[in-house]
Each structure stands twice: as structure tokens, then as C-alpha cells.
Amino acid sequence: MKTQNFVHRSFSVGGNTLKTLLYAFMATALMFNLSCSPEDGRDGMDGEQGTQGEQGPAGEDGNANVIASDWFEVEFDDVDNNDPPTAGIMYIDIPEIDLNEFIETGGIILMYNKILYFSSIYLTQILPITPDNTPGTYITYFSIYTGEDFEDPGPSIELTIEANDVSSLENNPDFAFKYVLVPAANTNMAARQVQGKTKTWSEVDVNNYEEVMEFLGLEEE
């Protein structure tokens, strides 16, 4: 039968044919591998985004925790018995802090006096003020009043003024005071630009009101 002859012939030459087909398949597979590049592969899935890092600490503010009053006029709590009175005391309460603890931990209290010097020109000076460093005829200084002698709970700033007639200085807008409380941490800050120069707190002239305000980042009034 033709079918049998066909099968027989195919089997009789199968060894060479099989080798030929095998070599052809291997060559085709090799060509296929060489023709494929890494870019042809499927992209992998993107990895998950990492968590955001914590925000860094805020920069150090020059006036952080500094307590500064507005300019205030004098209202005496007590005056002497002279006529007219030649000495008066004003107690200044600062409820935000304990003054004794503030000083014990290295805090600094500055007190300034602003007085009309000539026409519209004001003179600003740091306390204490004595006859040696003032153009006027008054002296003024301050201390910490503990409140132990009277019923006042204290502590507070005790402002004392002496003059020929202290009553003329009371409730006078041209004779004002301002306190600035600087915590110890603020005196250890890094150097900064003050009036065109790089200075640390120890280099600041506390007698210069404008220089102190600039170093602490406070507005001048």
C-alpha cells in the first residue's frame, strides 16, 4: 500500500531528518534569543514610596520667651512725706513668670527710661540712672521686691525714683519706662547681625536700647 511505503520511507530516512530539524530548531531558538533585548521585557511594578521624614526643628527665634513691656508712665504706689515728695516707689507685677526663679536660672532684667530731652527728641537710658549719667535732676533704679514686708504677695519689680518733686513725673507721657526680661537661653544664642556687625549677646551693649532690640528681634517703639 502506498501508505505503508510512505511510512516506511519516512522511517528509513528519519535519522538524518531528525538531526536536521533539531539543528534548525536550535539555530532558530538562538536567533530568537539574540534578537530579544532587555528593553523588550515587561516593566516590573514600582516599589512603594517610602514614608516622609520628620520635619526638622524650627529655627531659634531671638525673642523666644523674651518678655518686653510697652512704654508705661509712672504711677506711684508710695511716696515719702516730704512736701513736695522727693521719692516715690512703683511696684510692677509680671504674672507670666516667677521673678525669683527667673533670676536664679540666669535670666536678665533690663529697665529703660525714655524722657523728652529737647523739643521732640527723646533720650533713652538704661537703669540705674544717677546724677552722673543723666541731664535731668532725678535718679532712678529698680530692685526685686519679694513682698515679705507687706501684704503684697510679690515678687515684683520695685521702681524707685528720687527728684526734687517726684509728683511732676507721675502720669507724664514724656517720662516713661520699659522692662525687658531676657531668659538665660536667649543669652546663649548664636551670633547674629546687629547694626551691621556680627555679635553674640556678650558683645551687645545693653546700654544701647536700639542694639538690644535689634539683637532680640523686637520692634522699637
C-alpha atoms as a PDB file:
ATOM      1  CA  MET A   1       0.000   0.000   0.000  1.00  0.00           C
ATOM      2  CA  LYS A   2       1.149   3.487  -0.658  1.00  0.00           C
ATOM      3  CA  THR A   3       0.506   4.444   2.846  1.00  0.00           C
ATOM      4  CA  GLN A   4       2.838   1.734   4.169  1.00  0.00           C
ATOM      5  CA  ASN A   5       5.545   2.660   1.638  1.00  0.00           C
ATOM      6  CA  PHE A   6       5.281   6.300   2.757  1.00  0.00           C
ATOM      7  CA  VAL A   7       5.610   5.399   6.362  1.00  0.00           C
ATOM      8  CA  HIS A   8       8.498   3.115   5.679  1.00  0.00           C
ATOM      9  CA  ARG A   9      10.349   5.696   3.668  1.00  0.00           C
ATOM     10  CA  SER A  10       9.827   8.278   6.328  1.00  0.00           C
ATOM     11  CA  PHE A  11      11.187   5.958   8.991  1.00  0.00           C
ATOM     12  CA  SER A  12      14.168   4.877   6.904  1.00  0.00           C
ATOM     13  CA  VAL A  13      15.405   8.446   6.486  1.00  0.00           C
ATOM     14  CA  GLY A  14      14.217   9.680   9.941  1.00  0.00           C
ATOM     15  CA  GLY A  15      17.712   9.766  11.480  1.00  0.00           C
ATOM     16  CA  ASN A  16      19.099  12.426   9.143  1.00  0.00           C
ATOM     17  CA  THR A  17      15.829  14.303   9.010  1.00  0.00           C
ATOM     18  CA  LEU A  18      15.567  14.444  12.811  1.00  0.00           C
ATOM     19  CA  LYS A  19      19.110  15.773  13.141  1.00  0.00           C
ATOM     20  CA  THR A  20      18.437  18.377  10.501  1.00  0.00           C
ATOM     21  CA  LEU A  21      15.234  19.504  12.188  1.00  0.00           C
ATOM     22  CA  LEU A  22      16.945  19.602  15.609  1.00  0.00           C
ATOM     23  CA  TYR A  23      19.788  21.791  14.318  1.00  0.00           C
ATOM     24  CA  ALA A  24      17.312  24.045  12.578  1.00  0.00           C
ATOM     25  CA  PHE A  25      15.274  24.403  15.792  1.00  0.00           C
ATOM     26  CA  MET A  26      18.368  25.190  17.875  1.00  0.00           C
ATOM     27  CA  ALA A  27      19.516  27.785  15.362  1.00  0.00           C
ATOM     28  CA  THR A  28      16.086  29.381  15.325  1.00  0.00           C
ATOM     29  CA  ALA A  29      15.967  29.448  19.142  1.00  0.00           C
ATOM     30  CA  LEU A  30      19.427  31.031  19.272  1.00  0.00           C
ATOM     31  CA  MET A  31      18.459  33.687  16.764  1.00  0.00           C
ATOM     32  CA  PHE A  32      15.323  34.413  18.754  1.00  0.00           C
ATOM     33  CA  ASN A  33      17.309  34.879  21.967  1.00  0.00           C
ATOM     34  CA  LEU A  34      19.810  37.179  20.267  1.00  0.00           C
ATOM     35  CA  SER A  35      17.120  39.277  18.682  1.00  0.00           C
ATOM     36  CA  CYS A  36      15.411  39.988  22.034  1.00  0.00           C
ATOM     37  CA  SER A  37      16.776  42.856  24.151  1.00  0.00           C
ATOM     38  CA  PRO A  38      16.271  43.572  27.912  1.00  0.00           C
ATOM     39  CA  GLU A  39      14.118  46.524  26.962  1.00  0.00           C
ATOM     40  CA  ASP A  40      11.610  44.181  25.367  1.00  0.00           C
ATOM     41  CA  GLY A  41      10.738  42.647  28.728  1.00  0.00           C
ATOM     42  CA  ARG A  42       7.715  43.697  30.762  1.00  0.00           C
ATOM     43  CA  ASP A  43       8.334  46.529  33.254  1.00  0.00           C
ATOM     44  CA  GLY A  44       8.192  45.495  36.878  1.00  0.00           C
ATOM     45  CA  MET A  45       5.845  47.133  39.342  1.00  0.00           C
ATOM     46  CA  ASP A  46       7.098  50.302  41.000  1.00  0.00           C
ATOM     47  CA  GLY A  47       8.060  49.902  44.650  1.00  0.00           C
ATOM     48  CA  GLU A  48       6.035  51.599  47.359  1.00  0.00           C
ATOM     49  CA  GLN A  49       7.025  55.184  48.184  1.00  0.00           C
ATOM     50  CA  GLY A  50       8.922  55.493  51.448  1.00  0.00           C
ATOM     51  CA  THR A  51       7.435  57.335  54.379  1.00  0.00           C
ATOM     52  CA  GLN A  52       8.184  61.054  54.629  1.00  0.00           C
ATOM     53  CA  GLY A  53      10.881  62.003  57.122  1.00  0.00           C
ATOM     54  CA  GLU A  54      10.065  64.011  60.199  1.00  0.00           C
ATOM     55  CA  GLN A  55      10.179  67.781  59.900  1.00  0.00           C
ATOM     56  CA  GLY A  56      13.296  69.338  61.355  1.00  0.00           C
ATOM     57  CA  PRO A  57      13.128  71.554  64.426  1.00  0.00           C
ATOM     58  CA  ALA A  58      12.198  75.168  63.947  1.00  0.00           C
ATOM     59  CA  GLY A  59      14.943  77.741  63.860  1.00  0.00           C
ATOM     60  CA  GLU A  60      15.796  79.561  67.003  1.00  0.00           C
ATOM     61  CA  ASP A  61      13.991  82.862  67.435  1.00  0.00           C
ATOM     62  CA  GLY A  62      15.859  85.712  69.028  1.00  0.00           C
ATOM     63  CA  ASN A  63      12.823  86.836  71.031  1.00  0.00           C
ATOM     64  CA  ALA A  64      11.552  83.403  72.057  1.00  0.00           C
ATOM     65  CA  ASN A  65      10.291  83.651  75.675  1.00  0.00           C
ATOM     66  CA  VAL A  66      11.548  87.228  75.993  1.00  0.00           C
ATOM     67  CA  ILE A  67       9.087  89.415  77.902  1.00  0.00           C
ATOM     68  CA  ALA A  68       9.089  93.092  76.989  1.00  0.00           C
ATOM     69  CA  SER A  69       6.576  95.681  78.151  1.00  0.00           C
ATOM     70  CA  ASP A  70       5.267  98.655  76.263  1.00  0.00           C
ATOM     71  CA  TRP A  71       6.432 102.056  77.427  1.00  0.00           C
ATOM     72  CA  PHE A  72       4.442 102.906  80.547  1.00  0.00           C
ATOM     73  CA  GLU A  73       4.027 106.008  82.673  1.00  0.00           C
ATOM     74  CA  VAL A  74       4.781 106.152  86.379  1.00  0.00           C
ATOM     75  CA  GLU A  75       2.006 105.661  88.914  1.00  0.00           C
ATOM     76  CA  PHE A  76       3.459 105.661  92.404  1.00  0.00           C
ATOM     77  CA  ASP A  77       2.268 103.170  94.977  1.00  0.00           C
ATOM     78  CA  ASP A  78       4.017 105.059  97.736  1.00  0.00           C
ATOM     79  CA  VAL A  79       5.788 108.417  98.208  1.00  0.00           C
ATOM     80  CA  ASP A  80       7.660 109.936 101.096  1.00  0.00           C
ATOM     81  CA  ASN A  81       6.176 112.528 103.489  1.00  0.00           C
ATOM     82  CA  ASN A  82       8.095 115.487 102.133  1.00  0.00           C
ATOM     83  CA  ASP A  83       6.177 118.374 100.594  1.00  0.00           C
ATOM     84  CA  PRO A  84       6.541 118.122  97.700  1.00  0.00           C
ATOM     85  CA  PRO A  85       7.503 114.411  97.777  1.00  0.00           C
ATOM     86  CA  THR A  86      11.111 113.731  96.836  1.00  0.00           C
ATOM     87  CA  ALA A  87      10.948 109.940  96.488  1.00  0.00           C
ATOM     88  CA  GLY A  88       8.371 107.554  95.107  1.00  0.00           C
ATOM     89  CA  ILE A  89       8.045 103.794  94.601  1.00  0.00           C
ATOM     90  CA  MET A  90       6.101 101.905  91.959  1.00  0.00           C
ATOM     91  CA  TYR A  91       5.618  98.114  92.086  1.00  0.00           C
ATOM     92  CA  ILE A  92       5.469  96.351  88.721  1.00  0.00           C
ATOM     93  CA  ASP A  93       3.883  92.908  88.712  1.00  0.00           C
ATOM     94  CA  ILE A  94       4.827  90.400  86.000  1.00  0.00           C
ATOM     95  CA  PRO A  95       2.388  87.491  86.376  1.00  0.00           C
ATOM     96  CA  GLU A  96       3.843  85.497  83.466  1.00  0.00           C
ATOM     97  CA  ILE A  97       6.869  84.343  85.457  1.00  0.00           C
ATOM     98  CA  ASP A  98       8.301  83.896  88.933  1.00  0.00           C
ATOM     99  CA  LEU A  99      10.932  86.628  89.116  1.00  0.00           C
ATOM    100  CA  ASN A 100      12.970  84.894  91.801  1.00  0.00           C
ATOM    101  CA  GLU A 101      13.206  81.696  89.730  1.00  0.00           C
ATOM    102  CA  PHE A 102      13.875  83.730  86.600  1.00  0.00           C
ATOM    103  CA  ILE A 103      16.922  85.373  88.165  1.00  0.00           C
ATOM    104  CA  GLU A 104      18.163  82.187  89.835  1.00  0.00           C
ATOM    105  CA  THR A 105      18.224  80.419  86.456  1.00  0.00           C
ATOM    106  CA  GLY A 106      20.337  83.146  84.872  1.00  0.00           C
ATOM    107  CA  GLY A 107      17.664  85.454  83.468  1.00  0.00           C
ATOM    108  CA  ILE A 108      18.474  89.128  82.954  1.00  0.00           C
ATOM    109  CA  ILE A 109      16.203  92.079  83.723  1.00  0.00           C
ATOM    110  CA  LEU A 110      16.774  95.297  81.811  1.00  0.00           C
ATOM    111  CA  MET A 111      14.889  98.514  82.552  1.00  0.00           C
ATOM    112  CA  TYR A 112      14.929 101.552  80.295  1.00  0.00           C
ATOM    113  CA  ASN A 113      13.763 105.130  80.823  1.00  0.00           C
ATOM    114  CA  LYS A 114      12.674 107.407  77.975  1.00  0.00           C
ATOM    115  CA  ILE A 115      12.479 111.123  78.659  1.00  0.00           C
ATOM    116  CA  LEU A 116      11.785 114.110  76.454  1.00  0.00           C
ATOM    117  CA  TYR A 117      15.197 115.708  76.179  1.00  0.00           C
ATOM    118  CA  PHE A 118      14.712 118.575  73.764  1.00  0.00           C
ATOM    119  CA  SER A 119      11.705 119.558  71.670  1.00  0.00           C
ATOM    120  CA  SER A 120      10.684 116.227  70.054  1.00  0.00           C
ATOM    121  CA  ILE A 121      13.969 114.450  70.840  1.00  0.00           C
ATOM    122  CA  TYR A 122      13.789 111.630  73.386  1.00  0.00           C
ATOM    123  CA  LEU A 123      16.673 110.237  75.371  1.00  0.00           C
ATOM    124  CA  THR A 124      16.601 106.526  76.239  1.00  0.00           C
ATOM    125  CA  GLN A 125      18.791 105.301  79.102  1.00  0.00           C
ATOM    126  CA  ILE A 126      19.234 102.081  80.986  1.00  0.00           C
ATOM    127  CA  LEU A 127      18.678 101.975  84.739  1.00  0.00           C
ATOM    128  CA  PRO A 128      20.145 102.743  87.170  1.00  0.00           C
ATOM    129  CA  ILE A 129      20.235 106.451  86.381  1.00  0.00           C
ATOM    130  CA  THR A 130      22.311 108.686  88.620  1.00  0.00           C
ATOM    131  CA  PRO A 131      23.184 112.403  88.520  1.00  0.00           C
ATOM    132  CA  ASP A 132      26.393 111.394  86.786  1.00  0.00           C
ATOM    133  CA  ASN A 133      24.720 109.974  83.684  1.00  0.00           C
ATOM    134  CA  THR A 134      21.526 111.983  83.270  1.00  0.00           C
ATOM    135  CA  PRO A 135      20.898 115.535  82.108  1.00  0.00           C
ATOM    136  CA  GLY A 136      17.967 115.823  84.483  1.00  0.00           C
ATOM    137  CA  THR A 137      17.751 116.301  88.218  1.00  0.00           C
ATOM    138  CA  TYR A 138      16.463 112.857  89.121  1.00  0.00           C
ATOM    139  CA  ILE A 139      17.809 109.405  89.883  1.00  0.00           C
ATOM    140  CA  THR A 140      16.018 106.114  89.406  1.00  0.00           C
ATOM    141  CA  TYR A 141      16.795 102.471  89.980  1.00  0.00           C
ATOM    142  CA  PHE A 142      14.993  99.185  90.435  1.00  0.00           C
ATOM    143  CA  SER A 143      15.226  96.046  92.517  1.00  0.00           C
ATOM    144  CA  ILE A 144      13.213  92.891  93.088  1.00  0.00           C
ATOM    145  CA  TYR A 145      10.588  93.279  95.775  1.00  0.00           C
ATOM    146  CA  THR A 146       9.798  89.980  97.475  1.00  0.00           C
ATOM    147  CA  GLY A 147       6.604  91.138  99.183  1.00  0.00           C
ATOM    148  CA  GLU A 148       7.722  89.815 102.565  1.00  0.00           C
ATOM    149  CA  ASP A 149       7.349  93.118 104.399  1.00  0.00           C
ATOM    150  CA  PHE A 150       3.772  93.869 103.377  1.00  0.00           C
ATOM    151  CA  GLU A 151       0.655  92.062 102.280  1.00  0.00           C
ATOM    152  CA  ASP A 152       1.627  92.265  98.615  1.00  0.00           C
ATOM    153  CA  PRO A 153       2.370  88.665  97.536  1.00  0.00           C
ATOM    154  CA  GLY A 154       5.293  89.648  95.276  1.00  0.00           C
ATOM    155  CA  PRO A 155       7.762  89.185  93.845  1.00  0.00           C
ATOM    156  CA  SER A 156       7.657  92.245  91.630  1.00  0.00           C
ATOM    157  CA  ILE A 157       9.945  94.896  90.218  1.00  0.00           C
ATOM    158  CA  GLU A 158      10.332  97.811  92.610  1.00  0.00           C
ATOM    159  CA  LEU A 159      10.981 101.027  90.697  1.00  0.00           C
ATOM    160  CA  THR A 160      12.313 103.882  92.822  1.00  0.00           C
ATOM    161  CA  ILE A 161      12.575 107.479  91.666  1.00  0.00           C
ATOM    162  CA  GLU A 162      14.138 110.402  93.518  1.00  0.00           C
ATOM    163  CA  ALA A 163      13.830 114.047  92.431  1.00  0.00           C
ATOM    164  CA  ASN A 164      13.067 117.493  93.806  1.00  0.00           C
ATOM    165  CA  ASP A 165       9.391 116.809  93.145  1.00  0.00           C
ATOM    166  CA  VAL A 166       8.511 113.293  92.006  1.00  0.00           C
ATOM    167  CA  SER A 167       4.839 114.204  91.675  1.00  0.00           C
ATOM    168  CA  SER A 168       5.717 116.115  88.477  1.00  0.00           C
ATOM    169  CA  LEU A 169       6.988 112.847  86.969  1.00  0.00           C
ATOM    170  CA  GLU A 170       3.833 110.866  87.645  1.00  0.00           C
ATOM    171  CA  ASN A 171       1.446 110.148  84.727  1.00  0.00           C
ATOM    172  CA  ASN A 172       3.791 112.035  82.448  1.00  0.00           C
ATOM    173  CA  PRO A 173       3.904 110.693  78.837  1.00  0.00           C
ATOM    174  CA  ASP A 174       7.310 112.314  78.364  1.00  0.00           C
ATOM    175  CA  PHE A 175       8.745 110.280  81.238  1.00  0.00           C
ATOM    176  CA  ALA A 176       8.199 106.563  80.547  1.00  0.00           C
ATOM    177  CA  PHE A 177       9.737 103.196  81.409  1.00  0.00           C
ATOM    178  CA  LYS A 178      10.053  99.800  79.771  1.00  0.00           C
ATOM    179  CA  TYR A 179      11.304  96.461  81.096  1.00  0.00           C
ATOM    180  CA  VAL A 180      12.861  93.650  79.065  1.00  0.00           C
ATOM    181  CA  LEU A 181      13.263  90.189  80.590  1.00  0.00           C
ATOM    182  CA  VAL A 182      15.788  88.021  78.774  1.00  0.00           C
ATOM    183  CA  PRO A 183      15.893  84.293  79.708  1.00  0.00           C
ATOM    184  CA  ALA A 184      19.297  82.663  80.095  1.00  0.00           C
ATOM    185  CA  ALA A 185      18.743  80.546  76.960  1.00  0.00           C
ATOM    186  CA  ASN A 186      18.480  83.670  74.822  1.00  0.00           C
ATOM    187  CA  THR A 187      21.837  84.956  76.042  1.00  0.00           C
ATOM    188  CA  ASN A 188      23.482  81.777  74.707  1.00  0.00           C
ATOM    189  CA  MET A 189      22.204  82.116  71.149  1.00  0.00           C
ATOM    190  CA  ALA A 190      24.466  82.033  68.136  1.00  0.00           C
ATOM    191  CA  ALA A 191      25.922  85.289  66.887  1.00  0.00           C
ATOM    192  CA  ARG A 192      23.735  87.423  64.642  1.00  0.00           C
ATOM    193  CA  GLN A 193      23.871  90.635  62.681  1.00  0.00           C
ATOM    194  CA  VAL A 194      23.375  93.711  64.876  1.00  0.00           C
ATOM    195  CA  GLN A 195      23.741  97.164  63.365  1.00  0.00           C
ATOM    196  CA  GLY A 196      25.928  95.791  60.586  1.00  0.00           C
ATOM    197  CA  LYS A 197      28.169  93.693  62.838  1.00  0.00           C
ATOM    198  CA  THR A 198      28.087  90.042  63.893  1.00  0.00           C
ATOM    199  CA  LYS A 199      27.687  89.856  67.661  1.00  0.00           C
ATOM    200  CA  THR A 200      26.865  87.435  70.449  1.00  0.00           C
ATOM    201  CA  TRP A 201      24.843  88.549  73.456  1.00  0.00           C
ATOM    202  CA  SER A 202      28.011  89.117  75.484  1.00  0.00           C
ATOM    203  CA  GLU A 203      29.113  91.627  72.833  1.00  0.00           C
ATOM    204  CA  VAL A 204      25.845  93.555  72.804  1.00  0.00           C
ATOM    205  CA  ASP A 205      25.954  96.940  74.529  1.00  0.00           C
ATOM    206  CA  VAL A 206      22.923  96.732  76.846  1.00  0.00           C
ATOM    207  CA  ASN A 207      23.193 100.488  77.407  1.00  0.00           C
ATOM    208  CA  ASN A 208      22.223 100.872  73.757  1.00  0.00           C
ATOM    209  CA  TYR A 209      18.469 100.348  73.625  1.00  0.00           C
ATOM    210  CA  GLU A 210      18.347 100.082  69.819  1.00  0.00           C
ATOM    211  CA  GLU A 211      21.107  97.475  69.763  1.00  0.00           C
ATOM    212  CA  VAL A 212      19.349  95.312  72.343  1.00  0.00           C
ATOM    213  CA  MET A 213      16.048  95.496  70.457  1.00  0.00           C
ATOM    214  CA  GLU A 214      17.720  94.512  67.196  1.00  0.00           C
ATOM    215  CA  PHE A 215      19.579  91.553  68.692  1.00  0.00           C
ATOM    216  CA  LEU A 216      16.405  90.220  70.310  1.00  0.00           C
ATOM    217  CA  GLY A 217      14.333  90.816  67.196  1.00  0.00           C
ATOM    218  CA  LEU A 218      11.948  93.184  68.976  1.00  0.00           C
ATOM    219  CA  GLU A 219      10.319  96.210  67.430  1.00  0.00           C
ATOM    220  CA  GLU A 220      11.485  99.587  68.659  1.00  0.00           C
ATOM    221  CA  GLU A 221       8.892 101.989  69.940  1.00  0.00           C
END
